């Protein structure tokens, strides 16, 4: 799942998982006749184990059918919304308004300028052959995306760690605060083929900056 919708996806998965657990518990309690033997207070909400499904649904058909249609429409709309959330998209660029310590506007910085500076900084890392950085959001809630191609013989884990550290420190030095979200896409460059292998590292919050870094 993409980082931009991971939290929402987890909420829906937890909600529908809870519904499934409740339905399973109801069927189990009805089948074991728990309301009659163990917990009489819930007997009114359960059904007898020998009852047939048709006999249970017939008295309630006047509202079960409209409810079923409504739930089907809602489920379809929710599923379509979640599907659209997975479509990759480039973040929209908006000017970064930098304020001074007194709260007054100090400068307005184009995200393209910061993106270019960060891209050049990342390309200085050993093993990085190409890097394109996209920046969007406000200085306090900045979203940084880095698309990086690395050499086939490099250590990917080390590059990802150093790349995230460099971007966090440079953004914190330039804007006074680290990015709110930092997504990294690492592609393994191949000299004999136009194809590439990609590894995504997304959805991780930016670590706290404990030291100073070189400004972007």
Protein backbone atom coordinates (compact mmCIF):
# COMPACT_ATOMS: atom_id res chain seq x y z
CA UNK A 1 0.00 0.00 0.00
CA UNK A 2 1.18 3.47 -0.75
CA UNK A 3 2.25 5.63 2.13
CA UNK A 4 -0.29 8.36 1.39
CA UNK A 5 -3.18 6.03 2.11
CA UNK A 6 -1.64 3.45 4.43
CA UNK A 7 -3.21 4.86 7.60
CA UNK A 8 -6.65 5.07 5.99
CA UNK A 9 -6.32 1.54 4.64
CA UNK A 10 -5.44 0.22 8.09
CA UNK A 11 -8.50 1.93 9.60
CA UNK A 12 -10.82 0.29 7.05
CA UNK A 13 -9.12 -3.09 7.43
CA UNK A 14 -9.49 -2.90 11.21
CA UNK A 15 -13.17 -1.85 10.88
CA UNK A 16 -14.15 -4.67 8.52
CA UNK A 17 -12.06 -7.12 10.53
CA UNK A 18 -14.03 -6.15 13.64
CA UNK A 19 -17.31 -6.67 11.77
CA UNK A 20 -16.21 -10.14 10.70
CA UNK A 21 -15.21 -11.03 14.27
CA UNK A 22 -18.60 -9.82 15.61
CA UNK A 23 -20.51 -11.80 12.98
CA UNK A 24 -18.47 -14.92 13.70
CA UNK A 25 -19.05 -14.51 17.45
CA UNK A 26 -22.81 -14.14 16.88
CA UNK A 27 -23.00 -17.31 14.77
CA UNK A 28 -20.88 -19.21 17.29
CA UNK A 29 -22.94 -18.06 20.26
CA UNK A 30 -26.19 -18.92 18.47
CA UNK A 31 -24.91 -22.34 17.40
CA UNK A 32 -23.77 -23.21 20.93
CA UNK A 33 -26.98 -21.80 22.45
CA UNK A 34 -24.97 -19.64 24.83
CA UNK A 35 -27.98 -17.48 25.63
CA UNK A 36 -29.86 -20.46 27.05
CA UNK A 37 -27.10 -22.17 29.05
CA UNK A 38 -24.49 -19.55 29.98
CA UNK A 39 -25.61 -15.92 29.50
CA UNK A 40 -29.41 -15.60 29.57
CA UNK A 41 -29.23 -11.82 29.22
CA UNK A 42 -28.14 -12.07 25.57
CA UNK A 43 -30.68 -14.71 24.58
CA UNK A 44 -32.95 -12.08 23.00
CA UNK A 45 -30.20 -11.13 20.55
CA UNK A 46 -29.38 -14.67 19.46
CA UNK A 47 -31.27 -17.26 17.43
CA UNK A 48 -31.91 -20.90 18.10
CA UNK A 49 -29.49 -23.37 16.57
CA UNK A 50 -32.30 -25.32 14.87
CA UNK A 51 -33.83 -22.28 13.13
CA UNK A 52 -33.44 -22.09 9.33
CA UNK A 53 -32.08 -19.03 7.58
CA UNK A 54 -35.26 -18.57 5.52
CA UNK A 55 -37.41 -18.55 8.63
CA UNK A 56 -35.19 -15.88 10.17
CA UNK A 57 -35.15 -13.62 7.12
CA UNK A 58 -38.80 -13.78 6.05
CA UNK A 59 -40.25 -11.60 8.86
CA UNK A 60 -37.55 -9.01 8.26
CA UNK A 61 -37.57 -8.97 4.44
CA UNK A 62 -39.27 -5.55 4.27
CA UNK A 63 -36.18 -3.80 5.66
CA UNK A 64 -33.39 -6.31 4.99
CA UNK A 65 -33.59 -5.91 1.20
CA UNK A 66 -33.32 -2.08 1.14
CA UNK A 67 -30.58 -2.27 3.77
CA UNK A 68 -28.68 -4.81 1.69
CA UNK A 69 -28.90 -2.60 -1.41
CA UNK A 70 -27.74 0.45 0.57
CA UNK A 71 -24.81 -1.44 2.11
CA UNK A 72 -23.79 -2.73 -1.33
CA UNK A 73 -23.72 0.80 -2.75
CA UNK A 74 -21.73 2.11 0.24
CA UNK A 75 -19.26 -0.78 0.00
CA UNK A 76 -18.79 -0.13 -3.72
CA UNK A 77 -18.15 3.58 -3.16
CA UNK A 78 -15.69 2.92 -0.32
CA UNK A 79 -13.84 0.32 -2.41
CA UNK A 80 -13.65 2.71 -5.38
CA UNK A 81 -12.32 5.47 -3.13
CA UNK A 82 -9.62 3.20 -1.69
CA UNK A 83 -8.67 2.07 -5.20
CA UNK A 84 -8.28 5.66 -6.40
CA UNK A 85 -6.10 6.39 -3.38
CA UNK A 86 -3.57 3.83 -4.68
CA UNK A 87 -3.04 5.63 -8.00
CA UNK A 88 0.49 7.10 -7.98
CA UNK A 89 0.57 10.82 -8.45
CA UNK A 90 3.20 13.50 -8.34
CA UNK A 91 2.65 15.92 -5.47
CA UNK A 92 1.56 19.39 -6.48
CA UNK A 93 4.16 22.11 -6.00
CA UNK A 94 3.24 25.18 -3.99
CA UNK A 95 5.54 27.99 -2.81
CA UNK A 96 7.16 27.50 0.60
CA UNK A 97 6.57 30.55 2.77
CA UNK A 98 9.37 30.92 5.31
CA UNK A 99 8.70 32.95 8.44
CA UNK A 100 11.25 34.52 10.75
CA UNK A 101 11.47 34.14 14.52
CA UNK A 102 9.07 37.09 14.91
CA UNK A 103 6.43 35.41 12.74
CA UNK A 104 6.79 37.78 9.79
CA UNK A 105 7.27 36.47 6.25
CA UNK A 106 11.01 36.17 5.60
CA UNK A 107 11.05 34.66 2.10
CA UNK A 108 9.12 32.61 -0.41
CA UNK A 109 11.00 29.62 -1.80
CA UNK A 110 9.98 27.66 -4.88
CA UNK A 111 9.85 23.90 -4.20
CA UNK A 112 11.72 23.34 -7.49
CA UNK A 113 14.73 25.18 -6.08
CA UNK A 114 14.79 23.04 -2.95
CA UNK A 115 14.18 19.90 -5.02
CA UNK A 116 17.14 20.66 -7.29
CA UNK A 117 19.43 21.36 -4.34
CA UNK A 118 18.45 18.16 -2.57
CA UNK A 119 18.83 16.13 -5.78
CA UNK A 120 22.38 17.42 -6.25
CA UNK A 121 23.24 16.66 -2.63
CA UNK A 122 21.99 13.06 -2.84
CA UNK A 123 23.92 12.42 -6.05
CA UNK A 124 27.14 13.04 -4.12
CA UNK A 125 26.54 9.86 -2.10
CA UNK A 126 28.76 6.91 -3.17
CA UNK A 127 26.79 4.45 -5.29
CA UNK A 128 24.04 6.88 -6.31
CA UNK A 129 23.93 7.30 -10.07
CA UNK A 130 20.83 9.48 -10.37
CA UNK A 131 18.35 11.05 -7.99
CA UNK A 132 15.26 13.20 -8.47
CA UNK A 133 13.67 14.77 -5.40
CA UNK A 134 10.11 16.17 -5.30
CA UNK A 135 9.06 18.55 -2.53
CA UNK A 136 5.55 19.68 -1.63
CA UNK A 137 3.61 20.97 1.35
CA UNK A 138 4.28 23.70 3.88
CA UNK A 139 7.55 24.11 5.83
CA UNK A 140 5.93 22.60 8.93
CA UNK A 141 4.34 19.69 7.02
CA UNK A 142 6.76 19.03 4.20
CA UNK A 143 6.49 15.92 2.04
CA UNK A 144 9.69 14.80 0.32
CA UNK A 145 9.84 12.07 -2.34
CA UNK A 146 13.18 10.80 -3.66
CA UNK A 147 13.46 8.64 -6.81
CA UNK A 148 16.99 7.21 -6.82
CA UNK A 149 18.97 4.93 -9.13
CA UNK A 150 21.91 3.14 -7.53
CA UNK A 151 24.83 1.07 -8.86
CA UNK A 152 24.30 -2.72 -9.01
CA UNK A 153 27.26 -3.41 -6.71
CA UNK A 154 26.28 -0.98 -3.94
CA UNK A 155 24.87 -1.75 -0.51
CA UNK A 156 21.23 -0.70 -0.79
CA UNK A 157 20.54 -0.66 2.95
CA UNK A 158 23.45 1.71 3.61
CA UNK A 159 22.41 4.03 0.78
CA UNK A 160 18.80 4.20 1.97
CA UNK A 161 19.93 4.98 5.53
CA UNK A 162 22.38 7.66 4.44
CA UNK A 163 19.94 9.12 1.90
CA UNK A 164 17.17 9.51 4.49
CA UNK A 165 19.62 10.99 6.99
CA UNK A 166 20.98 13.47 4.44
CA UNK A 167 17.54 14.62 3.31
CA UNK A 168 16.28 15.01 6.87
CA UNK A 169 19.32 17.01 7.98
CA UNK A 170 19.38 19.25 4.89
CA UNK A 171 15.67 20.05 5.08
CA UNK A 172 15.94 20.70 8.83
CA UNK A 173 18.88 23.04 8.24
CA UNK A 174 17.15 24.90 5.39
CA UNK A 175 13.63 25.21 6.81
CA UNK A 176 14.22 24.79 10.54
CA UNK A 177 12.24 21.53 10.80
CA UNK A 178 12.63 18.04 9.29
CA UNK A 179 10.09 16.83 6.68
CA UNK A 180 6.80 15.49 7.97
CA UNK A 181 6.99 12.56 5.53
CA UNK A 182 9.91 11.18 3.57
CA UNK A 183 9.40 8.54 0.86
CA UNK A 184 12.30 6.87 -0.94
CA UNK A 185 12.12 4.83 -4.14
CA UNK A 186 15.36 3.00 -4.92
CA UNK A 187 15.95 1.63 -8.41
CA UNK A 188 18.78 -0.75 -9.18
CA UNK A 189 20.37 0.62 -12.36
CA UNK A 190 21.43 -1.88 -15.03
CA UNK A 191 23.97 -1.03 -17.70
CA UNK A 192 22.89 -3.71 -20.18
CA UNK A 193 19.14 -3.33 -19.98
CA UNK A 194 16.63 -0.52 -19.94
CA UNK A 195 14.66 -2.27 -17.21
CA UNK A 196 15.26 -1.69 -13.55
CA UNK A 197 14.43 -3.29 -10.25
CA UNK A 198 12.72 -1.04 -7.72
CA UNK A 199 12.50 -1.19 -3.98
CA UNK A 200 10.18 1.23 -2.20
CA UNK A 201 10.85 2.48 1.30
CA UNK A 202 7.80 4.52 2.27
CA UNK A 203 5.50 5.51 5.06
CA UNK A 204 8.16 6.03 7.74
CA UNK A 205 8.01 9.18 9.87
CA UNK A 206 11.08 11.37 9.84
CA UNK A 207 13.48 10.71 12.74
CA UNK A 208 14.28 13.46 15.19
CA UNK A 209 17.32 15.53 14.25
CA UNK A 210 19.89 15.43 17.05
CA UNK A 211 22.78 17.13 15.27
CA UNK A 212 23.42 19.68 12.57
CA UNK A 213 23.97 18.92 8.92
CA UNK A 214 25.16 20.73 5.86
CA UNK A 215 22.47 22.99 4.45
CA UNK A 216 20.87 22.20 1.10
